[in-house]
Amino acid sequence: MTPEYMQNRRENMLRQHRLGLLPHDNTRNFKAVVEFETGTVYPSIGHAAKATGYTYGGMQFLLRKAHKASKTGCHYFLKSVYDRIPHIV
């Protein structure tokens, strides 16, 4: 790709953003993760993995299996699943 092509492409995308024809990056649908013991909510699986020291795949494994994480000693749930769990007040 030539530099002229890339410049034209960038200008076209900026023009489409201004006109509202393209969605912004903040419209992406992330799956929020909740740490059960502390109630900490992470905006995505990647953010939760980074904050707790796991890899993305490791965090996905913890979300699929209902056992405690060895590094933090906590349970992790997707926010949609966490909202359906009955909480004791």
PDB file of N, CA and C in Angstrom:
ATOM      1  N   MET A   1       0.838  -1.179   0.000  1.00  0.00           N
ATOM      2  CA  MET A   1       0.000   0.000   0.000  1.00  0.00           C
ATOM      3  C   MET A   1       0.885   1.245   0.000  1.00  0.00           C
ATOM      4  N   THR A   2       0.523   2.144  -0.842  1.00  0.00           N
ATOM      5  CA  THR A   2       1.307   3.366  -0.956  1.00  0.00           C
ATOM      6  C   THR A   2       0.918   4.356   0.145  1.00  0.00           C
ATOM      7  N   PRO A   3       1.800   5.279   0.479  1.00  0.00           N
ATOM      8  CA  PRO A   3       1.466   6.282   1.490  1.00  0.00           C
ATOM      9  C   PRO A   3       0.258   7.138   1.099  1.00  0.00           C
ATOM     10  N   GLU A   4       0.106   7.393  -0.208  1.00  0.00           N
ATOM     11  CA  GLU A   4      -1.043   8.187  -0.663  1.00  0.00           C
ATOM     12  C   GLU A   4      -2.349   7.439  -0.407  1.00  0.00           C
ATOM     13  N   TYR A   5      -2.345   6.139  -0.658  1.00  0.00           N
ATOM     14  CA  TYR A   5      -3.536   5.322  -0.430  1.00  0.00           C
ATOM     15  C   TYR A   5      -3.903   5.331   1.050  1.00  0.00           C
ATOM     16  N   MET A   6      -2.898   5.155   1.913  1.00  0.00           N
ATOM     17  CA  MET A   6      -3.155   5.128   3.351  1.00  0.00           C
ATOM     18  C   MET A   6      -3.686   6.476   3.835  1.00  0.00           C
ATOM     19  N   GLN A   7      -3.152   7.570   3.314  1.00  0.00           N
ATOM     20  CA  GLN A   7      -3.623   8.903   3.696  1.00  0.00           C
ATOM     21  C   GLN A   7      -5.076   9.099   3.260  1.00  0.00           C
ATOM     22  N   ASN A   8      -5.402   8.686   2.039  1.00  0.00           N
ATOM     23  CA  ASN A   8      -6.781   8.807   1.558  1.00  0.00           C
ATOM     24  C   ASN A   8      -7.732   7.943   2.386  1.00  0.00           C
ATOM     25  N   ARG A   9      -7.293   6.759   2.725  1.00  0.00           N
ATOM     26  CA  ARG A   9      -8.119   5.861   3.530  1.00  0.00           C
ATOM     27  C   ARG A   9      -8.381   6.458   4.909  1.00  0.00           C
ATOM     28  N   ARG A  10      -7.349   7.023   5.514  1.00  0.00           N
ATOM     29  CA  ARG A  10      -7.489   7.645   6.829  1.00  0.00           C
ATOM     30  C   ARG A  10      -8.453   8.827   6.769  1.00  0.00           C
ATOM     31  N   GLU A  11      -8.328   9.663   5.737  1.00  0.00           N
ATOM     32  CA  GLU A  11      -9.223  10.807   5.584  1.00  0.00           C
ATOM     33  C   GLU A  11     -10.667  10.369   5.377  1.00  0.00           C
ATOM     34  N   ASN A  12     -10.875   9.311   4.601  1.00  0.00           N
ATOM     35  CA  ASN A  12     -12.222   8.799   4.386  1.00  0.00           C
ATOM     36  C   ASN A  12     -12.836   8.274   5.676  1.00  0.00           C
ATOM     37  N   MET A  13     -12.033   7.567   6.474  1.00  0.00           N
ATOM     38  CA  MET A  13     -12.551   7.046   7.738  1.00  0.00           C
ATOM     39  C   MET A  13     -12.883   8.181   8.694  1.00  0.00           C
ATOM     40  N   LEU A  14     -12.046   9.206   8.762  1.00  0.00           N
ATOM     41  CA  LEU A  14     -12.335  10.353   9.621  1.00  0.00           C
ATOM     42  C   LEU A  14     -13.609  11.068   9.164  1.00  0.00           C
ATOM     43  N   ARG A  15     -13.785  11.202   7.872  1.00  0.00           N
ATOM     44  CA  ARG A  15     -14.992  11.830   7.331  1.00  0.00           C
ATOM     45  C   ARG A  15     -16.233  11.007   7.702  1.00  0.00           C
ATOM     46  N   GLN A  16     -16.136   9.683   7.599  1.00  0.00           N
ATOM     47  CA  GLN A  16     -17.260   8.815   7.939  1.00  0.00           C
ATOM     48  C   GLN A  16     -17.578   8.871   9.429  1.00  0.00           C
ATOM     49  N   HIS A  17     -16.560   8.999  10.273  1.00  0.00           N
ATOM     50  CA  HIS A  17     -16.792   9.153  11.710  1.00  0.00           C
ATOM     51  C   HIS A  17     -17.539  10.448  11.999  1.00  0.00           C
ATOM     52  N   ARG A  18     -17.107  11.529  11.364  1.00  0.00           N
ATOM     53  CA  ARG A  18     -17.767  12.822  11.587  1.00  0.00           C
ATOM     54  C   ARG A  18     -19.225  12.786  11.164  1.00  0.00           C
ATOM     55  N   LEU A  19     -19.523  12.063  10.103  1.00  0.00           N
ATOM     56  CA  LEU A  19     -20.894  11.972   9.608  1.00  0.00           C
ATOM     57  C   LEU A  19     -21.727  10.945  10.372  1.00  0.00           C
ATOM     58  N   GLY A  20     -21.086  10.197  11.258  1.00  0.00           N
ATOM     59  CA  GLY A  20     -21.806   9.195  12.047  1.00  0.00           C
ATOM     60  C   GLY A  20     -22.065   7.908  11.304  1.00  0.00           C
ATOM     61  N   LEU A  21     -21.288   7.636  10.276  1.00  0.00           N
ATOM     62  CA  LEU A  21     -21.492   6.428   9.487  1.00  0.00           C
ATOM     63  C   LEU A  21     -20.746   5.228  10.044  1.00  0.00           C
ATOM     64  N   LEU A  22     -19.717   5.451  10.854  1.00  0.00           N
ATOM     65  CA  LEU A  22     -18.955   4.362  11.446  1.00  0.00           C
ATOM     66  C   LEU A  22     -19.111   4.392  12.953  1.00  0.00           C
ATOM     67  N   PRO A  23     -19.221   3.218  13.614  1.00  0.00           N
ATOM     68  CA  PRO A  23     -19.299   3.221  15.076  1.00  0.00           C
ATOM     69  C   PRO A  23     -17.942   3.565  15.681  1.00  0.00           C
ATOM     70  N   HIS A  24     -17.962   4.162  16.846  1.00  0.00           N
ATOM     71  CA  HIS A  24     -16.719   4.452  17.561  1.00  0.00           C
ATOM     72  C   HIS A  24     -16.239   3.193  18.269  1.00  0.00           C
ATOM     73  N   ASP A  25     -14.978   3.192  18.677  1.00  0.00           N
ATOM     74  CA  ASP A  25     -14.403   2.017  19.335  1.00  0.00           C
ATOM     75  C   ASP A  25     -15.098   1.693  20.654  1.00  0.00           C
ATOM     76  N   ASN A  26     -15.679   2.706  21.320  1.00  0.00           N
ATOM     77  CA  ASN A  26     -16.280   2.448  22.626  1.00  0.00           C
ATOM     78  C   ASN A  26     -17.643   1.764  22.512  1.00  0.00           C
ATOM     79  N   THR A  27     -18.088   1.421  21.314  1.00  0.00           N
ATOM     80  CA  THR A  27     -19.351   0.716  21.158  1.00  0.00           C
ATOM     81  C   THR A  27     -19.157  -0.792  21.124  1.00  0.00           C
ATOM     82  N   ARG A  28     -17.935  -1.257  21.281  1.00  0.00           N
ATOM     83  CA  ARG A  28     -17.683  -2.697  21.263  1.00  0.00           C
ATOM     84  C   ARG A  28     -18.335  -3.343  22.468  1.00  0.00           C
ATOM     85  N   ASN A  29     -18.745  -4.576  22.323  1.00  0.00           N
ATOM     86  CA  ASN A  29     -19.454  -5.282  23.376  1.00  0.00           C
ATOM     87  C   ASN A  29     -18.465  -6.155  24.152  1.00  0.00           C
ATOM     88  N   PHE A  30     -18.056  -5.690  25.330  1.00  0.00           N
ATOM     89  CA  PHE A  30     -17.151  -6.450  26.181  1.00  0.00           C
ATOM     90  C   PHE A  30     -17.956  -7.198  27.236  1.00  0.00           C
ATOM     91  N   LYS A  31     -17.443  -8.328  27.687  1.00  0.00           N
ATOM     92  CA  LYS A  31     -18.094  -9.100  28.736  1.00  0.00           C
ATOM     93  C   LYS A  31     -17.448  -8.739  30.063  1.00  0.00           C
ATOM     94  N   ALA A  32     -18.206  -8.115  30.945  1.00  0.00           N
ATOM     95  CA  ALA A  32     -17.692  -7.703  32.242  1.00  0.00           C
ATOM     96  C   ALA A  32     -17.494  -8.928  33.133  1.00  0.00           C
ATOM     97  N   VAL A  33     -16.472  -8.862  34.002  1.00  0.00           N
ATOM     98  CA  VAL A  33     -16.135  -9.951  34.916  1.00  0.00           C
ATOM     99  C   VAL A  33     -16.211  -9.425  36.342  1.00  0.00           C
ATOM    100  N   VAL A  34     -16.775 -10.244  37.245  1.00  0.00           N
ATOM    101  CA  VAL A  34     -16.898  -9.861  38.651  1.00  0.00           C
ATOM    102  C   VAL A  34     -16.109 -10.834  39.511  1.00  0.00           C
ATOM    103  N   GLU A  35     -15.319 -10.284  40.435  1.00  0.00           N
ATOM    104  CA  GLU A  35     -14.625 -11.095  41.433  1.00  0.00           C
ATOM    105  C   GLU A  35     -15.609 -11.284  42.590  1.00  0.00           C
ATOM    106  N   PHE A  36     -15.998 -12.516  42.848  1.00  0.00           N
ATOM    107  CA  PHE A  36     -17.107 -12.792  43.767  1.00  0.00           C
ATOM    108  C   PHE A  36     -16.830 -12.329  45.199  1.00  0.00           C
ATOM    109  N   GLU A  37     -15.666 -12.619  45.724  1.00  0.00           N
ATOM    110  CA  GLU A  37     -15.386 -12.324  47.135  1.00  0.00           C
ATOM    111  C   GLU A  37     -15.322 -10.826  47.432  1.00  0.00           C
ATOM    112  N   THR A  38     -14.754 -10.047  46.542  1.00  0.00           N
ATOM    113  CA  THR A  38     -14.603  -8.607  46.794  1.00  0.00           C
ATOM    114  C   THR A  38     -15.640  -7.765  46.071  1.00  0.00           C
ATOM    115  N   GLY A  39     -16.298  -8.322  45.067  1.00  0.00           N
ATOM    116  CA  GLY A  39     -17.275  -7.569  44.300  1.00  0.00           C
ATOM    117  C   GLY A  39     -16.660  -6.636  43.274  1.00  0.00           C
ATOM    118  N   THR A  40     -15.376  -6.769  43.005  1.00  0.00           N
ATOM    119  CA  THR A  40     -14.699  -5.935  42.019  1.00  0.00           C
ATOM    120  C   THR A  40     -15.196  -6.284  40.619  1.00  0.00           C
ATOM    121  N   VAL A  41     -15.552  -5.261  39.859  1.00  0.00           N
ATOM    122  CA  VAL A  41     -16.043  -5.460  38.487  1.00  0.00           C
ATOM    123  C   VAL A  41     -14.969  -4.989  37.517  1.00  0.00           C
ATOM    124  N   TYR A  42     -14.575  -5.866  36.613  1.00  0.00           N
ATOM    125  CA  TYR A  42     -13.624  -5.544  35.557  1.00  0.00           C
ATOM    126  C   TYR A  42     -14.405  -5.384  34.265  1.00  0.00           C
ATOM    127  N   PRO A  43     -14.064  -4.413  33.408  1.00  0.00           N
ATOM    128  CA  PRO A  43     -14.856  -4.164  32.201  1.00  0.00           C
ATOM    129  C   PRO A  43     -14.778  -5.258  31.141  1.00  0.00           C
ATOM    130  N   SER A  44     -13.756  -6.100  31.197  1.00  0.00           N
ATOM    131  CA  SER A  44     -13.638  -7.156  30.189  1.00  0.00           C
ATOM    132  C   SER A  44     -12.804  -8.299  30.745  1.00  0.00           C
ATOM    133  N   ILE A  45     -12.798  -9.406  30.027  1.00  0.00           N
ATOM    134  CA  ILE A  45     -12.003 -10.570  30.434  1.00  0.00           C
ATOM    135  C   ILE A  45     -10.518 -10.219  30.392  1.00  0.00           C
ATOM    136  N   GLY A  46     -10.106  -9.463  29.388  1.00  0.00           N
ATOM    137  CA  GLY A  46      -8.704  -9.064  29.269  1.00  0.00           C
ATOM    138  C   GLY A  46      -8.256  -8.179  30.417  1.00  0.00           C
ATOM    139  N   HIS A  47      -9.107  -7.236  30.834  1.00  0.00           N
ATOM    140  CA  HIS A  47      -8.764  -6.382  31.965  1.00  0.00           C
ATOM    141  C   HIS A  47      -8.664  -7.193  33.254  1.00  0.00           C
ATOM    142  N   ALA A  48      -9.566  -8.137  33.440  1.00  0.00           N
ATOM    143  CA  ALA A  48      -9.533  -8.982  34.637  1.00  0.00           C
ATOM    144  C   ALA A  48      -8.277  -9.840  34.660  1.00  0.00           C
ATOM    145  N   ALA A  49      -7.911 -10.393  33.511  1.00  0.00           N
ATOM    146  CA  ALA A  49      -6.716 -11.231  33.433  1.00  0.00           C
ATOM    147  C   ALA A  49      -5.467 -10.429  33.755  1.00  0.00           C
ATOM    148  N   LYS A  50      -5.374  -9.237  33.194  1.00  0.00           N
ATOM    149  CA  LYS A  50      -4.206  -8.397  33.411  1.00  0.00           C
ATOM    150  C   LYS A  50      -4.095  -7.968  34.874  1.00  0.00           C
ATOM    151  N   ALA A  51      -5.229  -7.627  35.487  1.00  0.00           N
ATOM    152  CA  ALA A  51      -5.220  -7.150  36.868  1.00  0.00           C
ATOM    153  C   ALA A  51      -4.917  -8.259  37.868  1.00  0.00           C
ATOM    154  N   THR A  52      -5.259  -9.495  37.543  1.00  0.00           N
ATOM    155  CA  THR A  52      -5.060 -10.591  38.484  1.00  0.00           C
ATOM    156  C   THR A  52      -3.816 -11.416  38.200  1.00  0.00           C
ATOM    157  N   GLY A  53      -3.158 -11.174  37.071  1.00  0.00           N
ATOM    158  CA  GLY A  53      -1.920 -11.887  36.770  1.00  0.00           C
ATOM    159  C   GLY A  53      -2.110 -13.152  35.956  1.00  0.00           C
ATOM    160  N   TYR A  54      -3.281 -13.360  35.417  1.00  0.00           N
ATOM    161  CA  TYR A  54      -3.528 -14.525  34.577  1.00  0.00           C
ATOM    162  C   TYR A  54      -3.403 -14.143  33.107  1.00  0.00           C
ATOM    163  N   THR A  55      -3.342 -15.162  32.253  1.00  0.00           N
ATOM    164  CA  THR A  55      -3.425 -14.916  30.825  1.00  0.00           C
ATOM    165  C   THR A  55      -4.901 -14.854  30.449  1.00  0.00           C
ATOM    166  N   TYR A  56      -5.168 -14.410  29.233  1.00  0.00           N
ATOM    167  CA  TYR A  56      -6.553 -14.332  28.766  1.00  0.00           C
ATOM    168  C   TYR A  56      -7.194 -15.725  28.777  1.00  0.00           C
ATOM    169  N   GLY A  57      -6.462 -16.712  28.287  1.00  0.00           N
ATOM    170  CA  GLY A  57      -6.973 -18.091  28.264  1.00  0.00           C
ATOM    171  C   GLY A  57      -7.177 -18.645  29.660  1.00  0.00           C
ATOM    172  N   GLY A  58      -6.283 -18.295  30.581  1.00  0.00           N
ATOM    173  CA  GLY A  58      -6.438 -18.732  31.966  1.00  0.00           C
ATOM    174  C   GLY A  58      -7.681 -18.158  32.615  1.00  0.00           C
ATOM    175  N   MET A  59      -7.961 -16.888  32.328  1.00  0.00           N
ATOM    176  CA  MET A  59      -9.169 -16.266  32.877  1.00  0.00           C
ATOM    177  C   MET A  59     -10.412 -16.891  32.266  1.00  0.00           C
ATOM    178  N   GLN A  60     -10.374 -17.214  30.977  1.00  0.00           N
ATOM    179  CA  GLN A  60     -11.514 -17.892  30.360  1.00  0.00           C
ATOM    180  C   GLN A  60     -11.758 -19.248  31.014  1.00  0.00           C
ATOM    181  N   PHE A  61     -10.696 -19.971  31.345  1.00  0.00           N
ATOM    182  CA  PHE A  61     -10.829 -21.255  32.019  1.00  0.00           C
ATOM    183  C   PHE A  61     -11.480 -21.075  33.383  1.00  0.00           C
ATOM    184  N   LEU A  62     -11.055 -20.050  34.136  1.00  0.00           N
ATOM    185  CA  LEU A  62     -11.643 -19.802  35.454  1.00  0.00           C
ATOM    186  C   LEU A  62     -13.122 -19.429  35.350  1.00  0.00           C
ATOM    187  N   LEU A  63     -13.498 -18.783  34.276  1.00  0.00           N
ATOM    188  CA  LEU A  63     -14.901 -18.421  34.097  1.00  0.00           C
ATOM    189  C   LEU A  63     -15.755 -19.633  33.719  1.00  0.00           C
ATOM    190  N   ARG A  64     -15.154 -20.624  33.071  1.00  0.00           N
ATOM    191  CA  ARG A  64     -15.896 -21.828  32.692  1.00  0.00           C
ATOM    192  C   ARG A  64     -16.041 -22.802  33.852  1.00  0.00           C
ATOM    193  N   LYS A  65     -15.027 -22.896  34.699  1.00  0.00           N
ATOM    194  CA  LYS A  65     -15.035 -23.846  35.807  1.00  0.00           C
ATOM    195  C   LYS A  65     -15.290 -23.107  37.115  1.00  0.00           C
ATOM    196  N   ALA A  66     -16.091 -23.686  37.962  1.00  0.00           N
ATOM    197  CA  ALA A  66     -16.445 -23.021  39.221  1.00  0.00           C
ATOM    198  C   ALA A  66     -15.525 -23.483  40.358  1.00  0.00           C
ATOM    199  N   HIS A  67     -14.248 -23.104  40.287  1.00  0.00           N
ATOM    200  CA  HIS A  67     -13.338 -23.383  41.398  1.00  0.00           C
ATOM    201  C   HIS A  67     -12.499 -22.150  41.667  1.00  0.00           C
ATOM    202  N   LYS A  68     -11.867 -22.106  42.836  1.00  0.00           N
ATOM    203  CA  LYS A  68     -11.086 -20.929  43.214  1.00  0.00           C
ATOM    204  C   LYS A  68      -9.827 -20.804  42.372  1.00  0.00           C
ATOM    205  N   ALA A  69      -9.463 -19.568  42.084  1.00  0.00           N
ATOM    206  CA  ALA A  69      -8.230 -19.283  41.366  1.00  0.00           C
ATOM    207  C   ALA A  69      -7.067 -19.489  42.323  1.00  0.00           C
ATOM    208  N   SER A  70      -6.000 -20.116  41.852  1.00  0.00           N
ATOM    209  CA  SER A  70      -4.868 -20.418  42.738  1.00  0.00           C
ATOM    210  C   SER A  70      -4.069 -19.174  43.099  1.00  0.00           C
ATOM    211  N   LYS A  71      -3.989 -18.174  42.218  1.00  0.00           N
ATOM    212  CA  LYS A  71      -3.190 -16.979  42.515  1.00  0.00           C
ATOM    213  C   LYS A  71      -3.893 -16.049  43.482  1.00  0.00           C
ATOM    214  N   THR A  72      -5.197 -15.878  43.327  1.00  0.00           N
ATOM    215  CA  THR A  72      -5.913 -14.895  44.144  1.00  0.00           C
ATOM    216  C   THR A  72      -6.811 -15.513  45.189  1.00  0.00           C
ATOM    217  N   GLY A  73      -7.168 -16.776  45.039  1.00  0.00           N
ATOM    218  CA  GLY A  73      -8.058 -17.425  45.995  1.00  0.00           C
ATOM    219  C   GLY A  73      -9.494 -16.951  45.877  1.00  0.00           C
ATOM    220  N   CYS A  74      -9.877 -16.432  44.718  1.00  0.00           N
ATOM    221  CA  CYS A  74     -11.223 -15.890  44.520  1.00  0.00           C
ATOM    222  C   CYS A  74     -11.935 -16.617  43.388  1.00  0.00           C
ATOM    223  N   HIS A  75     -13.247 -16.493  43.374  1.00  0.00           N
ATOM    224  CA  HIS A  75     -14.061 -17.001  42.284  1.00  0.00           C
ATOM    225  C   HIS A  75     -14.370 -15.855  41.328  1.00  0.00           C
ATOM    226  N   TYR A  76     -14.436 -16.159  40.045  1.00  0.00           N
ATOM    227  CA  TYR A  76     -14.738 -15.151  39.030  1.00  0.00           C
ATOM    228  C   TYR A  76     -15.947 -15.578  38.224  1.00  0.00           C
ATOM    229  N   PHE A  77     -16.814 -14.620  37.938  1.00  0.00           N
ATOM    230  CA  PHE A  77     -18.013 -14.879  37.154  1.00  0.00           C
ATOM    231  C   PHE A  77     -18.183 -13.773  36.122  1.00  0.00           C
ATOM    232  N   LEU A  78     -18.840 -14.117  35.001  1.00  0.00           N
ATOM    233  CA  LEU A  78     -19.266 -13.072  34.087  1.00  0.00           C
ATOM    234  C   LEU A  78     -20.354 -12.261  34.784  1.00  0.00           C
ATOM    235  N   LYS A  79     -20.443 -10.988  34.487  1.00  0.00           N
ATOM    236  CA  LYS A  79     -21.411 -10.115  35.148  1.00  0.00           C
ATOM    237  C   LYS A  79     -22.837 -10.602  34.917  1.00  0.00           C
ATOM    238  N   SER A  80     -23.129 -11.111  33.730  1.00  0.00           N
ATOM    239  CA  SER A  80     -24.472 -11.606  33.440  1.00  0.00           C
ATOM    240  C   SER A  80     -24.828 -12.803  34.319  1.00  0.00           C
ATOM    241  N   VAL A  81     -23.866 -13.659  34.620  1.00  0.00           N
ATOM    242  CA  VAL A  81     -24.097 -14.806  35.499  1.00  0.00           C
ATOM    243  C   VAL A  81     -24.170 -14.343  36.951  1.00  0.00           C
ATOM    244  N   TYR A  82     -23.306 -13.419  37.333  1.00  0.00           N
ATOM    245  CA  TYR A  82     -23.249 -12.904  38.706  1.00  0.00           C
ATOM    246  C   TYR A  82     -24.569 -12.247  39.099  1.00  0.00           C
ATOM    247  N   ASP A  83     -25.220 -11.564  38.164  1.00  0.00           N
ATOM    248  CA  ASP A  83     -26.489 -10.900  38.467  1.00  0.00           C
ATOM    249  C   ASP A  83     -27.603 -11.887  38.760  1.00  0.00           C
ATOM    250  N   ARG A  84     -27.489 -13.124  38.283  1.00  0.00           N
ATOM    251  CA  ARG A  84     -28.522 -14.138  38.518  1.00  0.00           C
ATOM    252  C   ARG A  84     -28.306 -14.918  39.812  1.00  0.00           C
ATOM    253  N   ILE A  85     -27.141 -14.759  40.467  1.00  0.00           N
ATOM    254  CA  ILE A  85     -26.841 -15.473  41.714  1.00  0.00           C
ATOM    255  C   ILE A  85     -27.569 -14.791  42.861  1.00  0.00           C
ATOM    256  N   PRO A  86     -28.322 -15.551  43.675  1.00  0.00           N
ATOM    257  CA  PRO A  86     -28.990 -14.926  44.830  1.00  0.00           C
ATOM    258  C   PRO A  86     -27.942 -14.537  45.877  1.00  0.00           C
ATOM    259  N   HIS A  87     -27.970 -13.277  46.303  1.00  0.00           N
ATOM    260  CA  HIS A  87     -26.998 -12.785  47.261  1.00  0.00           C
ATOM    261  C   HIS A  87     -27.620 -12.729  48.653  1.00  0.00           C
ATOM    262  N   ILE A  88     -26.848 -13.124  49.656  1.00  0.00           N
ATOM    263  CA  ILE A  88     -27.296 -13.083  51.044  1.00  0.00           C
ATOM    264  C   ILE A  88     -26.966 -11.708  51.604  1.00  0.00           C
ATOM    265  N   VAL A  89     -27.947 -11.048  52.162  1.00  0.00           N
ATOM    266  CA  VAL A  89     -27.739  -9.693  52.689  1.00  0.00           C
ATOM    267  C   VAL A  89     -27.436  -9.735  54.153  1.00  0.00           C
TER     268      VAL A  89
END
